[in-house]
Amino acid sequence: MIRHSVIFTLKHASGSTQEAAFLRDAKILAAIPGVTKFEQLRQVSAKNDYAFGFSMEFADQAAYSGYDGHPDHVAFVRDRWVPEVAKFLEIDYVLV
């Protein structure tokens, strides 16, 4: 199993309609074959200045690779992520 997490801050103002639209439209990622346990998370700690996280799991590397190259993922990254995300951290985990 691979757990894929991206922690990020948007360029949009907190609580804005643009922020809400980004989060709503990102739910398309959950429908991509191979994605399980998709979660959208709001960061609440004062220890860092990231605002959100997406977390999802894949059964194996083949499922993750299929997601990464899927047209819906590629389009979301190109059309929404790149123009709207101010900064991010991406982490992929496996169980130890």
PDB file of N, CA and C in Angstrom:
ATOM      1  N   MET A   1       0.840  -1.171   0.000  1.00  0.00           N
ATOM      2  CA  MET A   1       0.000   0.000   0.000  1.00  0.00           C
ATOM      3  C   MET A   1       0.890   1.242   0.000  1.00  0.00           C
ATOM      4  N   ILE A   2       0.493   2.232  -0.790  1.00  0.00           N
ATOM      5  CA  ILE A   2       1.156   3.533  -0.818  1.00  0.00           C
ATOM      6  C   ILE A   2       0.143   4.578  -0.381  1.00  0.00           C
ATOM      7  N   ARG A   3       0.528   5.384   0.596  1.00  0.00           N
ATOM      8  CA  ARG A   3      -0.297   6.522   1.011  1.00  0.00           C
ATOM      9  C   ARG A   3       0.345   7.780   0.419  1.00  0.00           C
ATOM     10  N   HIS A   4      -0.423   8.472  -0.375  1.00  0.00           N
ATOM     11  CA  HIS A   4       0.024   9.689  -1.056  1.00  0.00           C
ATOM     12  C   HIS A   4      -0.617  10.885  -0.358  1.00  0.00           C
ATOM     13  N   SER A   5       0.206  11.824   0.079  1.00  0.00           N
ATOM     14  CA  SER A   5      -0.287  13.018   0.760  1.00  0.00           C
ATOM     15  C   SER A   5       0.317  14.255   0.124  1.00  0.00           C
ATOM     16  N   VAL A   6      -0.514  15.262  -0.051  1.00  0.00           N
ATOM     17  CA  VAL A   6      -0.038  16.579  -0.448  1.00  0.00           C
ATOM     18  C   VAL A   6      -0.590  17.584   0.555  1.00  0.00           C
ATOM     19  N   ILE A   7       0.303  18.383   1.094  1.00  0.00           N
ATOM     20  CA  ILE A   7      -0.044  19.403   2.061  1.00  0.00           C
ATOM     21  C   ILE A   7       0.195  20.721   1.344  1.00  0.00           C
ATOM     22  N   PHE A   8      -0.763  21.642   1.405  1.00  0.00           N
ATOM     23  CA  PHE A   8      -0.653  22.812   0.540  1.00  0.00           C
ATOM     24  C   PHE A   8      -1.384  24.030   1.082  1.00  0.00           C
ATOM     25  N   THR A   9      -1.053  25.160   0.488  1.00  0.00           N
ATOM     26  CA  THR A   9      -1.723  26.429   0.734  1.00  0.00           C
ATOM     27  C   THR A   9      -2.130  26.990  -0.619  1.00  0.00           C
ATOM     28  N   LEU A  10      -3.347  27.465  -0.686  1.00  0.00           N
ATOM     29  CA  LEU A  10      -3.849  28.051  -1.922  1.00  0.00           C
ATOM     30  C   LEU A  10      -3.495  29.534  -2.016  1.00  0.00           C
ATOM     31  N   LYS A  11      -3.530  30.058  -3.221  1.00  0.00           N
ATOM     32  CA  LYS A  11      -3.334  31.486  -3.446  1.00  0.00           C
ATOM     33  C   LYS A  11      -4.588  32.278  -3.069  1.00  0.00           C
ATOM     34  N   HIS A  12      -5.712  31.605  -2.942  1.00  0.00           N
ATOM     35  CA  HIS A  12      -6.989  32.251  -2.664  1.00  0.00           C
ATOM     36  C   HIS A  12      -7.135  32.605  -1.184  1.00  0.00           C
ATOM     37  N   ALA A  13      -7.939  33.589  -0.917  1.00  0.00           N
ATOM     38  CA  ALA A  13      -8.234  33.984   0.458  1.00  0.00           C
ATOM     39  C   ALA A  13      -8.998  32.875   1.178  1.00  0.00           C
ATOM     40  N   SER A  14      -8.696  32.718   2.447  1.00  0.00           N
ATOM     41  CA  SER A  14      -9.388  31.726   3.259  1.00  0.00           C
ATOM     42  C   SER A  14     -10.883  32.032   3.301  1.00  0.00           C
ATOM     43  N   GLY A  15     -11.695  31.013   3.048  1.00  0.00           N
ATOM     44  CA  GLY A  15     -13.140  31.174   3.054  1.00  0.00           C
ATOM     45  C   GLY A  15     -13.729  31.737   1.775  1.00  0.00           C
ATOM     46  N   SER A  16     -12.898  31.965   0.776  1.00  0.00           N
ATOM     47  CA  SER A  16     -13.377  32.563  -0.476  1.00  0.00           C
ATOM     48  C   SER A  16     -14.130  31.544  -1.329  1.00  0.00           C
ATOM     49  N   THR A  17     -14.879  32.051  -2.281  1.00  0.00           N
ATOM     50  CA  THR A  17     -15.581  31.166  -3.207  1.00  0.00           C
ATOM     51  C   THR A  17     -14.577  30.405  -4.080  1.00  0.00           C
ATOM     52  N   GLN A  18     -13.422  31.033  -4.367  1.00  0.00           N
ATOM     53  CA  GLN A  18     -12.400  30.363  -5.162  1.00  0.00           C
ATOM     54  C   GLN A  18     -11.809  29.175  -4.404  1.00  0.00           C
ATOM     55  N   GLU A  19     -11.594  29.344  -3.108  1.00  0.00           N
ATOM     56  CA  GLU A  19     -11.107  28.246  -2.275  1.00  0.00           C
ATOM     57  C   GLU A  19     -12.120  27.097  -2.283  1.00  0.00           C
ATOM     58  N   ALA A  20     -13.380  27.427  -2.071  1.00  0.00           N
ATOM     59  CA  ALA A  20     -14.434  26.405  -2.060  1.00  0.00           C
ATOM     60  C   ALA A  20     -14.523  25.687  -3.403  1.00  0.00           C
ATOM     61  N   ALA A  21     -14.386  26.419  -4.494  1.00  0.00           N
ATOM     62  CA  ALA A  21     -14.459  25.809  -5.829  1.00  0.00           C
ATOM     63  C   ALA A  21     -13.289  24.865  -6.057  1.00  0.00           C
ATOM     64  N   PHE A  22     -12.094  25.247  -5.621  1.00  0.00           N
ATOM     65  CA  PHE A  22     -10.928  24.384  -5.774  1.00  0.00           C
ATOM     66  C   PHE A  22     -11.146  23.072  -5.028  1.00  0.00           C
ATOM     67  N   LEU A  23     -11.568  23.160  -3.778  1.00  0.00           N
ATOM     68  CA  LEU A  23     -11.782  21.951  -2.971  1.00  0.00           C
ATOM     69  C   LEU A  23     -12.893  21.084  -3.558  1.00  0.00           C
ATOM     70  N   ARG A  24     -13.948  21.709  -4.023  1.00  0.00           N
ATOM     71  CA  ARG A  24     -15.053  20.956  -4.654  1.00  0.00           C
ATOM     72  C   ARG A  24     -14.557  20.246  -5.905  1.00  0.00           C
ATOM     73  N   ASP A  25     -13.849  20.964  -6.762  1.00  0.00           N
ATOM     74  CA  ASP A  25     -13.408  20.400  -8.032  1.00  0.00           C
ATOM     75  C   ASP A  25     -12.335  19.330  -7.851  1.00  0.00           C
ATOM     76  N   ALA A  26     -11.583  19.405  -6.762  1.00  0.00           N
ATOM     77  CA  ALA A  26     -10.542  18.404  -6.495  1.00  0.00           C
ATOM     78  C   ALA A  26     -11.127  17.026  -6.195  1.00  0.00           C
ATOM     79  N   LYS A  27     -12.383  16.973  -5.873  1.00  0.00           N
ATOM     80  CA  LYS A  27     -13.011  15.672  -5.574  1.00  0.00           C
ATOM     81  C   LYS A  27     -13.017  14.754  -6.791  1.00  0.00           C
ATOM     82  N   ILE A  28     -12.760  15.305  -7.979  1.00  0.00           N
ATOM     83  CA  ILE A  28     -12.636  14.470  -9.177  1.00  0.00           C
ATOM     84  C   ILE A  28     -11.513  13.451  -9.008  1.00  0.00           C
ATOM     85  N   LEU A  29     -10.507  13.788  -8.199  1.00  0.00           N
ATOM     86  CA  LEU A  29      -9.374  12.881  -7.995  1.00  0.00           C
ATOM     87  C   LEU A  29      -9.810  11.584  -7.319  1.00  0.00           C
ATOM     88  N   ALA A  30     -10.824  11.649  -6.480  1.00  0.00           N
ATOM     89  CA  ALA A  30     -11.306  10.469  -5.768  1.00  0.00           C
ATOM     90  C   ALA A  30     -11.912   9.428  -6.707  1.00  0.00           C
ATOM     91  N   ALA A  31     -12.363   9.859  -7.871  1.00  0.00           N
ATOM     92  CA  ALA A  31     -13.024   8.960  -8.823  1.00  0.00           C
ATOM     93  C   ALA A  31     -12.051   8.271  -9.772  1.00  0.00           C
ATOM     94  N   ILE A  32     -10.784   8.631  -9.697  1.00  0.00           N
ATOM     95  CA  ILE A  32      -9.796   8.018 -10.586  1.00  0.00           C
ATOM     96  C   ILE A  32      -9.564   6.572 -10.150  1.00  0.00           C
ATOM     97  N   PRO A  33      -9.572   5.629 -11.067  1.00  0.00           N
ATOM     98  CA  PRO A  33      -9.365   4.227 -10.714  1.00  0.00           C
ATOM     99  C   PRO A  33      -8.078   4.031  -9.901  1.00  0.00           C
ATOM    100  N   GLY A  34      -8.191   3.231  -8.856  1.00  0.00           N
ATOM    101  CA  GLY A  34      -7.049   2.922  -8.005  1.00  0.00           C
ATOM    102  C   GLY A  34      -6.982   3.751  -6.738  1.00  0.00           C
ATOM    103  N   VAL A  35      -7.674   4.894  -6.710  1.00  0.00           N
ATOM    104  CA  VAL A  35      -7.671   5.760  -5.527  1.00  0.00           C
ATOM    105  C   VAL A  35      -8.623   5.190  -4.480  1.00  0.00           C
ATOM    106  N   THR A  36      -8.118   5.021  -3.254  1.00  0.00           N
ATOM    107  CA  THR A  36      -8.966   4.639  -2.127  1.00  0.00           C
ATOM    108  C   THR A  36      -8.698   5.596  -0.971  1.00  0.00           C
ATOM    109  N   LYS A  37      -9.632   5.687  -0.076  1.00  0.00           N
ATOM    110  CA  LYS A  37      -9.518   6.495   1.149  1.00  0.00           C
ATOM    111  C   LYS A  37      -9.114   7.943   0.860  1.00  0.00           C
ATOM    112  N   PHE A  38      -9.711   8.532  -0.160  1.00  0.00           N
ATOM    113  CA  PHE A  38      -9.445   9.936  -0.472  1.00  0.00           C
ATOM    114  C   PHE A  38     -10.027  10.821   0.619  1.00  0.00           C
ATOM    115  N   GLU A  39      -9.198  11.725   1.133  1.00  0.00           N
ATOM    116  CA  GLU A  39      -9.644  12.657   2.157  1.00  0.00           C
ATOM    117  C   GLU A  39      -9.138  14.057   1.841  1.00  0.00           C
ATOM    118  N   GLN A  40      -9.987  15.026   2.111  1.00  0.00           N
ATOM    119  CA  GLN A  40      -9.581  16.433   2.088  1.00  0.00           C
ATOM    120  C   GLN A  40      -9.520  16.877   3.538  1.00  0.00           C
ATOM    121  N   LEU A  41      -8.421  17.495   3.916  1.00  0.00           N
ATOM    122  CA  LEU A  41      -8.186  17.823   5.320  1.00  0.00           C
ATOM    123  C   LEU A  41      -7.829  19.295   5.463  1.00  0.00           C
ATOM    124  N   ARG A  42      -8.315  19.897   6.539  1.00  0.00           N
ATOM    125  CA  ARG A  42      -7.943  21.273   6.867  1.00  0.00           C
ATOM    126  C   ARG A  42      -6.934  21.219   7.997  1.00  0.00           C
ATOM    127  N   GLN A  43      -5.813  21.890   7.819  1.00  0.00           N
ATOM    128  CA  GLN A  43      -4.730  21.915   8.795  1.00  0.00           C
ATOM    129  C   GLN A  43      -5.108  22.861   9.937  1.00  0.00           C
ATOM    130  N   VAL A  44      -4.930  22.428  11.188  1.00  0.00           N
ATOM    131  CA  VAL A  44      -5.340  23.243  12.336  1.00  0.00           C
ATOM    132  C   VAL A  44      -4.202  23.581  13.293  1.00  0.00           C
ATOM    133  N   SER A  45      -3.031  23.071  13.071  1.00  0.00           N
ATOM    134  CA  SER A  45      -1.907  23.325  13.968  1.00  0.00           C
ATOM    135  C   SER A  45      -1.267  24.678  13.687  1.00  0.00           C
ATOM    136  N   ALA A  46      -0.811  25.330  14.728  1.00  0.00           N
ATOM    137  CA  ALA A  46      -0.078  26.588  14.578  1.00  0.00           C
ATOM    138  C   ALA A  46       1.401  26.335  14.279  1.00  0.00           C
ATOM    139  N   LYS A  47       1.807  25.082  14.170  1.00  0.00           N
ATOM    140  CA  LYS A  47       3.218  24.734  13.972  1.00  0.00           C
ATOM    141  C   LYS A  47       3.703  24.931  12.536  1.00  0.00           C
ATOM    142  N   ASN A  48       2.784  25.102  11.589  1.00  0.00           N
ATOM    143  CA  ASN A  48       3.191  25.375  10.206  1.00  0.00           C
ATOM    144  C   ASN A  48       2.126  26.235   9.543  1.00  0.00           C
ATOM    145  N   ASP A  49       2.427  26.714   8.359  1.00  0.00           N
ATOM    146  CA  ASP A  49       1.493  27.626   7.706  1.00  0.00           C
ATOM    147  C   ASP A  49       0.827  27.031   6.463  1.00  0.00           C
ATOM    148  N   TYR A  50       0.809  25.706   6.357  1.00  0.00           N
ATOM    149  CA  TYR A  50       0.023  25.068   5.314  1.00  0.00           C
ATOM    150  C   TYR A  50      -1.441  25.077   5.735  1.00  0.00           C
ATOM    151  N   ALA A  51      -2.338  25.090   4.776  1.00  0.00           N
ATOM    152  CA  ALA A  51      -3.765  25.213   5.083  1.00  0.00           C
ATOM    153  C   ALA A  51      -4.556  23.920   4.900  1.00  0.00           C
ATOM    154  N   PHE A  52      -4.175  23.081   3.932  1.00  0.00           N
ATOM    155  CA  PHE A  52      -4.972  21.908   3.582  1.00  0.00           C
ATOM    156  C   PHE A  52      -4.091  20.700   3.323  1.00  0.00           C
ATOM    157  N   GLY A  53      -4.729  19.555   3.278  1.00  0.00           N
ATOM    158  CA  GLY A  53      -4.063  18.340   2.854  1.00  0.00           C
ATOM    159  C   GLY A  53      -5.028  17.467   2.089  1.00  0.00           C
ATOM    160  N   PHE A  54      -4.507  16.755   1.120  1.00  0.00           N
ATOM    161  CA  PHE A  54      -5.228  15.667   0.466  1.00  0.00           C
ATOM    162  C   PHE A  54      -4.454  14.401   0.810  1.00  0.00           C
ATOM    163  N   SER A  55      -5.184  13.356   1.140  1.00  0.00           N
ATOM    164  CA  SER A  55      -4.575  12.070   1.423  1.00  0.00           C
ATOM    165  C   SER A  55      -5.362  11.000   0.689  1.00  0.00           C
ATOM    166  N   MET A  56      -4.637  10.030   0.144  1.00  0.00           N
ATOM    167  CA  MET A  56      -5.296   8.924  -0.547  1.00  0.00           C
ATOM    168  C   MET A  56      -4.375   7.721  -0.511  1.00  0.00           C
ATOM    169  N   GLU A  57      -4.940   6.556  -0.759  1.00  0.00           N
ATOM    170  CA  GLU A  57      -4.151   5.333  -0.750  1.00  0.00           C
ATOM    171  C   GLU A  57      -4.296   4.598  -2.071  1.00  0.00           C
ATOM    172  N   PHE A  58      -3.240   3.838  -2.373  1.00  0.00           N
ATOM    173  CA  PHE A  58      -3.198   2.994  -3.569  1.00  0.00           C
ATOM    174  C   PHE A  58      -2.753   1.607  -3.153  1.00  0.00           C
ATOM    175  N   ALA A  59      -3.306   0.593  -3.773  1.00  0.00           N
ATOM    176  CA  ALA A  59      -2.974  -0.785  -3.419  1.00  0.00           C
ATOM    177  C   ALA A  59      -1.501  -1.093  -3.678  1.00  0.00           C
ATOM    178  N   ASP A  60      -0.935  -0.500  -4.735  1.00  0.00           N
ATOM    179  CA  ASP A  60       0.447  -0.816  -5.109  1.00  0.00           C
ATOM    180  C   ASP A  60       0.980   0.245  -6.062  1.00  0.00           C
ATOM    181  N   GLN A  61       2.206   0.087  -6.492  1.00  0.00           N
ATOM    182  CA  GLN A  61       2.841   1.058  -7.372  1.00  0.00           C
ATOM    183  C   GLN A  61       2.113   1.174  -8.711  1.00  0.00           C
ATOM    184  N   ALA A  62       1.590   0.073  -9.217  1.00  0.00           N
ATOM    185  CA  ALA A  62       0.867   0.126 -10.491  1.00  0.00           C
ATOM    186  C   ALA A  62      -0.367   1.013 -10.379  1.00  0.00           C
ATOM    187  N   ALA A  63      -1.097   0.901  -9.276  1.00  0.00           N
ATOM    188  CA  ALA A  63      -2.285   1.746  -9.073  1.00  0.00           C
ATOM    189  C   ALA A  63      -1.882   3.212  -8.955  1.00  0.00           C
ATOM    190  N   TYR A  64      -0.798   3.479  -8.231  1.00  0.00           N
ATOM    191  CA  TYR A  64      -0.318   4.850  -8.069  1.00  0.00           C
ATOM    192  C   TYR A  64       0.140   5.427  -9.408  1.00  0.00           C
ATOM    193  N   SER A  65       0.861   4.644 -10.177  1.00  0.00           N
ATOM    194  CA  SER A  65       1.320   5.104 -11.486  1.00  0.00           C
ATOM    195  C   SER A  65       0.146   5.377 -12.422  1.00  0.00           C
ATOM    196  N   GLY A  66      -0.887   4.527 -12.340  1.00  0.00           N
ATOM    197  CA  GLY A  66      -2.083   4.742 -13.150  1.00  0.00           C
ATOM    198  C   GLY A  66      -2.768   6.049 -12.804  1.00  0.00           C
ATOM    199  N   TYR A  67      -2.837   6.364 -11.527  1.00  0.00           N
ATOM    200  CA  TYR A  67      -3.410   7.633 -11.062  1.00  0.00           C
ATOM    201  C   TYR A  67      -2.577   8.806 -11.564  1.00  0.00           C
ATOM    202  N   ASP A  68      -1.265   8.702 -11.391  1.00  0.00           N
ATOM    203  CA  ASP A  68      -0.373   9.800 -11.727  1.00  0.00           C
ATOM    204  C   ASP A  68      -0.475  10.187 -13.204  1.00  0.00           C
ATOM    205  N   GLY A  69      -0.660   9.214 -14.065  1.00  0.00           N
ATOM    206  CA  GLY A  69      -0.763   9.482 -15.492  1.00  0.00           C
ATOM    207  C   GLY A  69      -2.176   9.611 -16.022  1.00  0.00           C
ATOM    208  N   HIS A  70      -3.165   9.450 -15.151  1.00  0.00           N
ATOM    209  CA  HIS A  70      -4.557   9.504 -15.597  1.00  0.00           C
ATOM    210  C   HIS A  70      -4.898  10.900 -16.128  1.00  0.00           C
ATOM    211  N   PRO A  71      -5.640  10.982 -17.225  1.00  0.00           N
ATOM    212  CA  PRO A  71      -5.964  12.291 -17.817  1.00  0.00           C
ATOM    213  C   PRO A  71      -6.653  13.260 -16.855  1.00  0.00           C
ATOM    214  N   ASP A  72      -7.506  12.767 -15.960  1.00  0.00           N
ATOM    215  CA  ASP A  72      -8.170  13.671 -15.013  1.00  0.00           C
ATOM    216  C   ASP A  72      -7.170  14.259 -14.015  1.00  0.00           C
ATOM    217  N   HIS A  73      -6.203  13.460 -13.578  1.00  0.00           N
ATOM    218  CA  HIS A  73      -5.177  13.961 -12.669  1.00  0.00           C
ATOM    219  C   HIS A  73      -4.272  14.955 -13.391  1.00  0.00           C
ATOM    220  N   VAL A  74      -3.823  14.598 -14.571  1.00  0.00           N
ATOM    221  CA  VAL A  74      -2.943  15.469 -15.345  1.00  0.00           C
ATOM    222  C   VAL A  74      -3.628  16.816 -15.600  1.00  0.00           C
ATOM    223  N   ALA A  75      -4.897  16.791 -15.979  1.00  0.00           N
ATOM    224  CA  ALA A  75      -5.641  18.024 -16.255  1.00  0.00           C
ATOM    225  C   ALA A  75      -5.832  18.848 -14.984  1.00  0.00           C
ATOM    226  N   PHE A  76      -6.141  18.194 -13.867  1.00  0.00           N
ATOM    227  CA  PHE A  76      -6.324  18.933 -12.613  1.00  0.00           C
ATOM    228  C   PHE A  76      -5.027  19.624 -12.207  1.00  0.00           C
ATOM    229  N   VAL A  77      -3.928  18.925 -12.302  1.00  0.00           N
ATOM    230  CA  VAL A  77      -2.639  19.523 -11.946  1.00  0.00           C
ATOM    231  C   VAL A  77      -2.343  20.714 -12.859  1.00  0.00           C
ATOM    232  N   ARG A  78      -2.530  20.536 -14.129  1.00  0.00           N
ATOM    233  CA  ARG A  78      -2.222  21.590 -15.099  1.00  0.00           C
ATOM    234  C   ARG A  78      -3.160  22.800 -14.965  1.00  0.00           C
ATOM    235  N   ASP A  79      -4.461  22.524 -14.860  1.00  0.00           N
ATOM    236  CA  ASP A  79      -5.458  23.590 -14.948  1.00  0.00           C
ATOM    237  C   ASP A  79      -5.824  24.222 -13.620  1.00  0.00           C
ATOM    238  N   ARG A  80      -5.650  23.494 -12.523  1.00  0.00           N
ATOM    239  CA  ARG A  80      -6.060  24.018 -11.219  1.00  0.00           C
ATOM    240  C   ARG A  80      -4.901  24.100 -10.239  1.00  0.00           C
ATOM    241  N   TRP A  81      -4.157  22.982 -10.081  1.00  0.00           N
ATOM    242  CA  TRP A  81      -3.096  22.936  -9.071  1.00  0.00           C
ATOM    243  C   TRP A  81      -2.006  23.976  -9.342  1.00  0.00           C
ATOM    244  N   VAL A  82      -1.420  23.937 -10.513  1.00  0.00           N
ATOM    245  CA  VAL A  82      -0.299  24.835 -10.822  1.00  0.00           C
ATOM    246  C   VAL A  82      -0.710  26.303 -10.700  1.00  0.00           C
ATOM    247  N   PRO A  83      -1.848  26.720 -11.257  1.00  0.00           N
ATOM    248  CA  PRO A  83      -2.177  28.137 -11.150  1.00  0.00           C
ATOM    249  C   PRO A  83      -2.696  28.580  -9.773  1.00  0.00           C
ATOM    250  N   GLU A  84      -3.228  27.650  -8.958  1.00  0.00           N
ATOM    251  CA  GLU A  84      -3.928  28.065  -7.743  1.00  0.00           C
ATOM    252  C   GLU A  84      -3.228  27.725  -6.432  1.00  0.00           C
ATOM    253  N   VAL A  85      -2.221  26.862  -6.456  1.00  0.00           N
ATOM    254  CA  VAL A  85      -1.537  26.466  -5.230  1.00  0.00           C
ATOM    255  C   VAL A  85      -0.286  27.331  -5.046  1.00  0.00           C
ATOM    256  N   ALA A  86      -0.194  27.945  -3.863  1.00  0.00           N
ATOM    257  CA  ALA A  86       0.933  28.823  -3.562  1.00  0.00           C
ATOM    258  C   ALA A  86       2.177  28.026  -3.192  1.00  0.00           C
ATOM    259  N   LYS A  87       2.011  26.979  -2.411  1.00  0.00           N
ATOM    260  CA  LYS A  87       3.129  26.125  -2.018  1.00  0.00           C
ATOM    261  C   LYS A  87       2.583  24.782  -1.570  1.00  0.00           C
ATOM    262  N   PHE A  88       3.433  23.751  -1.652  1.00  0.00           N
ATOM    263  CA  PHE A  88       2.987  22.423  -1.250  1.00  0.00           C
ATOM    264  C   PHE A  88       4.165  21.547  -0.867  1.00  0.00           C
ATOM    265  N   LEU A  89       3.812  20.480  -0.187  1.00  0.00           N
ATOM    266  CA  LEU A  89       4.741  19.428   0.190  1.00  0.00           C
ATOM    267  C   LEU A  89       4.065  18.116  -0.169  1.00  0.00           C
ATOM    268  N   GLU A  90       4.775  17.266  -0.893  1.00  0.00           N
ATOM    269  CA  GLU A  90       4.219  15.982  -1.321  1.00  0.00           C
ATOM    270  C   GLU A  90       4.993  14.862  -0.634  1.00  0.00           C
ATOM    271  N   ILE A  91       4.249  13.923  -0.054  1.00  0.00           N
ATOM    272  CA  ILE A  91       4.877  12.804   0.655  1.00  0.00           C
ATOM    273  C   ILE A  91       4.176  11.511   0.250  1.00  0.00           C
ATOM    274  N   ASP A  92       4.952  10.509  -0.107  1.00  0.00           N
ATOM    275  CA  ASP A  92       4.425   9.181  -0.396  1.00  0.00           C
ATOM    276  C   ASP A  92       5.007   8.217   0.627  1.00  0.00           C
ATOM    277  N   TYR A  93       4.130   7.487   1.294  1.00  0.00           N
ATOM    278  CA  TYR A  93       4.508   6.590   2.368  1.00  0.00           C
ATOM    279  C   TYR A  93       4.216   5.136   2.009  1.00  0.00           C
ATOM    280  N   VAL A  94       4.992   4.231   2.555  1.00  0.00           N
ATOM    281  CA  VAL A  94       4.658   2.806   2.617  1.00  0.00           C
ATOM    282  C   VAL A  94       4.772   2.389   4.078  1.00  0.00           C
ATOM    283  N   LEU A  95       4.083   1.357   4.442  1.00  0.00           N
ATOM    284  CA  LEU A  95       4.133   0.854   5.811  1.00  0.00           C
ATOM    285  C   LEU A  95       5.489   0.254   6.111  1.00  0.00           C
ATOM    286  N   VAL A  96       5.942   0.418   7.348  1.00  0.00           N
ATOM    287  CA  VAL A  96       7.195  -0.195   7.778  1.00  0.00           C
ATOM    288  C   VAL A  96       6.905  -1.281   8.815  1.00  0.00           C
TER     289      VAL A  96
END
